[in-house]
């Protein structure tokens, strides 16, 4: 019984973490686009990083 509760709370915790990560990713992207335009990633990171990310 205790293991079932632990598992349920773990699953719930992971869902909260995923929701927070998704929100932060979208929020950061929107803020960067608002500040630096839609090409913020291409123009804002070093070319080697951009090239490695786009592979």
N, C-alpha and C. Protein backbone atom coordinates (compact mmCIF):
# COMPACT_ATOMS: atom_id res chain seq x y z
N UNK A 1 0.83 -1.20 0.00
CA UNK A 1 0.00 0.00 0.00
C UNK A 1 0.87 1.26 0.00
N UNK A 2 1.89 1.26 0.82
CA UNK A 2 2.76 2.43 0.89
C UNK A 2 3.52 2.61 -0.43
N UNK A 3 3.94 1.49 -1.03
CA UNK A 3 4.64 1.57 -2.31
C UNK A 3 3.74 2.16 -3.39
N UNK A 4 2.48 1.80 -3.39
CA UNK A 4 1.54 2.34 -4.37
C UNK A 4 1.39 3.85 -4.20
N UNK A 5 1.33 4.31 -2.97
CA UNK A 5 1.23 5.74 -2.72
C UNK A 5 2.50 6.46 -3.17
N UNK A 6 3.66 5.86 -2.85
CA UNK A 6 4.93 6.44 -3.28
C UNK A 6 4.98 6.57 -4.79
N UNK A 7 4.57 5.52 -5.49
CA UNK A 7 4.58 5.52 -6.95
C UNK A 7 3.64 6.61 -7.49
N UNK A 8 2.48 6.73 -6.88
CA UNK A 8 1.51 7.73 -7.32
C UNK A 8 2.08 9.14 -7.14
N UNK A 9 2.71 9.38 -6.00
CA UNK A 9 3.29 10.71 -5.75
C UNK A 9 4.47 10.97 -6.68
N UNK A 10 5.26 9.94 -6.98
CA UNK A 10 6.37 10.10 -7.92
C UNK A 10 5.84 10.48 -9.29
N UNK A 11 4.83 9.79 -9.77
CA UNK A 11 4.25 10.09 -11.08
C UNK A 11 3.70 11.51 -11.10
N UNK A 12 3.03 11.91 -10.05
CA UNK A 12 2.47 13.25 -9.96
C UNK A 12 3.60 14.30 -9.94
N UNK A 13 4.65 14.02 -9.20
CA UNK A 13 5.79 14.94 -9.14
C UNK A 13 6.44 15.10 -10.51
N UNK A 14 6.64 13.98 -11.23
CA UNK A 14 7.24 14.06 -12.56
C UNK A 14 6.36 14.85 -13.52
N UNK A 15 5.06 14.73 -13.38
CA UNK A 15 4.16 15.51 -14.23
C UNK A 15 4.31 17.00 -13.94
N UNK A 16 4.38 17.36 -12.66
CA UNK A 16 4.59 18.77 -12.30
C UNK A 16 5.91 19.29 -12.88
N UNK A 17 6.95 18.49 -12.77
CA UNK A 17 8.25 18.90 -13.28
C UNK A 17 8.20 19.09 -14.79
N UNK A 18 7.57 18.17 -15.51
CA UNK A 18 7.43 18.32 -16.97
C UNK A 18 6.64 19.57 -17.32
N UNK A 19 5.57 19.83 -16.58
CA UNK A 19 4.76 21.03 -16.84
C UNK A 19 5.57 22.29 -16.61
N UNK A 20 6.37 22.33 -15.55
CA UNK A 20 7.20 23.49 -15.26
C UNK A 20 8.26 23.67 -16.36
N UNK A 21 8.91 22.57 -16.76
CA UNK A 21 9.92 22.64 -17.81
C UNK A 21 9.32 23.15 -19.12
N UNK A 22 8.15 22.64 -19.47
CA UNK A 22 7.48 23.07 -20.70
C UNK A 22 7.14 24.55 -20.64
N UNK A 23 6.60 24.99 -19.52
CA UNK A 23 6.27 26.40 -19.36
C UNK A 23 7.51 27.28 -19.48
N UNK A 24 8.59 26.88 -18.77
CA UNK A 24 9.81 27.70 -18.79
C UNK A 24 10.41 27.75 -20.19
N UNK A 25 10.43 26.64 -20.88
CA UNK A 25 10.99 26.61 -22.23
C UNK A 25 10.23 27.57 -23.15
N UNK A 26 8.92 27.52 -23.11
CA UNK A 26 8.10 28.39 -23.96
C UNK A 26 8.22 29.85 -23.53
N UNK A 27 8.23 30.09 -22.23
CA UNK A 27 8.36 31.46 -21.72
C UNK A 27 9.69 32.07 -22.12
N UNK A 28 10.79 31.32 -21.96
CA UNK A 28 12.11 31.83 -22.33
C UNK A 28 12.15 32.14 -23.83
N UNK A 29 11.61 31.22 -24.62
CA UNK A 29 11.61 31.41 -26.08
C UNK A 29 10.83 32.68 -26.45
N UNK A 30 9.67 32.87 -25.87
CA UNK A 30 8.87 34.06 -26.16
C UNK A 30 9.61 35.34 -25.76
N UNK A 31 10.23 35.32 -24.59
CA UNK A 31 10.96 36.50 -24.12
C UNK A 31 12.15 36.81 -25.03
N UNK A 32 12.87 35.78 -25.45
CA UNK A 32 14.00 35.99 -26.35
C UNK A 32 13.53 36.51 -27.70
N UNK A 33 12.44 35.95 -28.23
CA UNK A 33 11.90 36.44 -29.51
C UNK A 33 11.42 37.88 -29.39
N UNK A 34 10.79 38.22 -28.28
CA UNK A 34 10.32 39.59 -28.09
C UNK A 34 11.48 40.58 -28.00
N UNK A 35 12.57 40.16 -27.40
CA UNK A 35 13.72 41.04 -27.22
C UNK A 35 14.62 41.09 -28.45
N UNK A 36 14.82 39.93 -29.11
CA UNK A 36 15.84 39.84 -30.16
C UNK A 36 15.31 39.42 -31.52
N UNK A 37 14.01 39.20 -31.65
CA UNK A 37 13.43 38.80 -32.92
C UNK A 37 13.38 37.29 -33.08
N UNK A 38 12.73 36.86 -34.13
CA UNK A 38 12.51 35.43 -34.35
C UNK A 38 13.79 34.66 -34.63
N UNK A 39 14.82 35.33 -35.09
CA UNK A 39 16.09 34.68 -35.40
C UNK A 39 17.06 34.74 -34.21
N UNK A 40 16.53 34.88 -33.00
CA UNK A 40 17.36 35.06 -31.82
C UNK A 40 18.38 33.93 -31.63
N UNK A 41 17.99 32.71 -31.93
CA UNK A 41 18.91 31.59 -31.72
C UNK A 41 20.05 31.64 -32.72
N UNK A 42 19.72 31.85 -33.95
CA UNK A 42 20.74 31.87 -35.00
C UNK A 42 21.71 33.03 -34.81
N UNK A 43 21.20 34.18 -34.44
CA UNK A 43 22.07 35.35 -34.30
C UNK A 43 22.66 35.49 -32.91
N UNK A 44 22.10 34.80 -31.92
CA UNK A 44 22.52 35.01 -30.54
C UNK A 44 23.48 34.00 -29.96
N UNK A 45 23.69 32.89 -30.66
CA UNK A 45 24.63 31.89 -30.13
C UNK A 45 25.80 31.74 -31.08
N UNK A 46 26.93 31.30 -30.57
CA UNK A 46 28.09 31.10 -31.45
C UNK A 46 27.76 30.11 -32.57
N UNK A 47 28.36 30.34 -33.74
CA UNK A 47 28.07 29.51 -34.91
C UNK A 47 28.31 28.02 -34.64
N UNK A 48 29.38 27.68 -33.92
CA UNK A 48 29.68 26.27 -33.64
C UNK A 48 28.56 25.63 -32.82
N UNK A 49 28.01 26.36 -31.87
CA UNK A 49 26.91 25.85 -31.04
C UNK A 49 25.66 25.71 -31.91
N UNK A 50 25.37 26.74 -32.71
CA UNK A 50 24.21 26.70 -33.60
C UNK A 50 24.30 25.51 -34.56
N UNK A 51 25.48 25.34 -35.19
CA UNK A 51 25.65 24.24 -36.14
C UNK A 51 25.48 22.88 -35.46
N UNK A 52 26.03 22.74 -34.25
CA UNK A 52 25.95 21.47 -33.52
C UNK A 52 24.49 21.18 -33.12
N UNK A 53 23.75 22.22 -32.75
CA UNK A 53 22.36 22.05 -32.33
C UNK A 53 21.46 21.69 -33.52
N UNK A 54 21.77 22.20 -34.67
CA UNK A 54 20.90 22.02 -35.83
C UNK A 54 21.15 20.68 -36.55
N UNK A 55 22.13 19.90 -36.11
CA UNK A 55 22.39 18.59 -36.76
C UNK A 55 21.37 17.57 -36.41
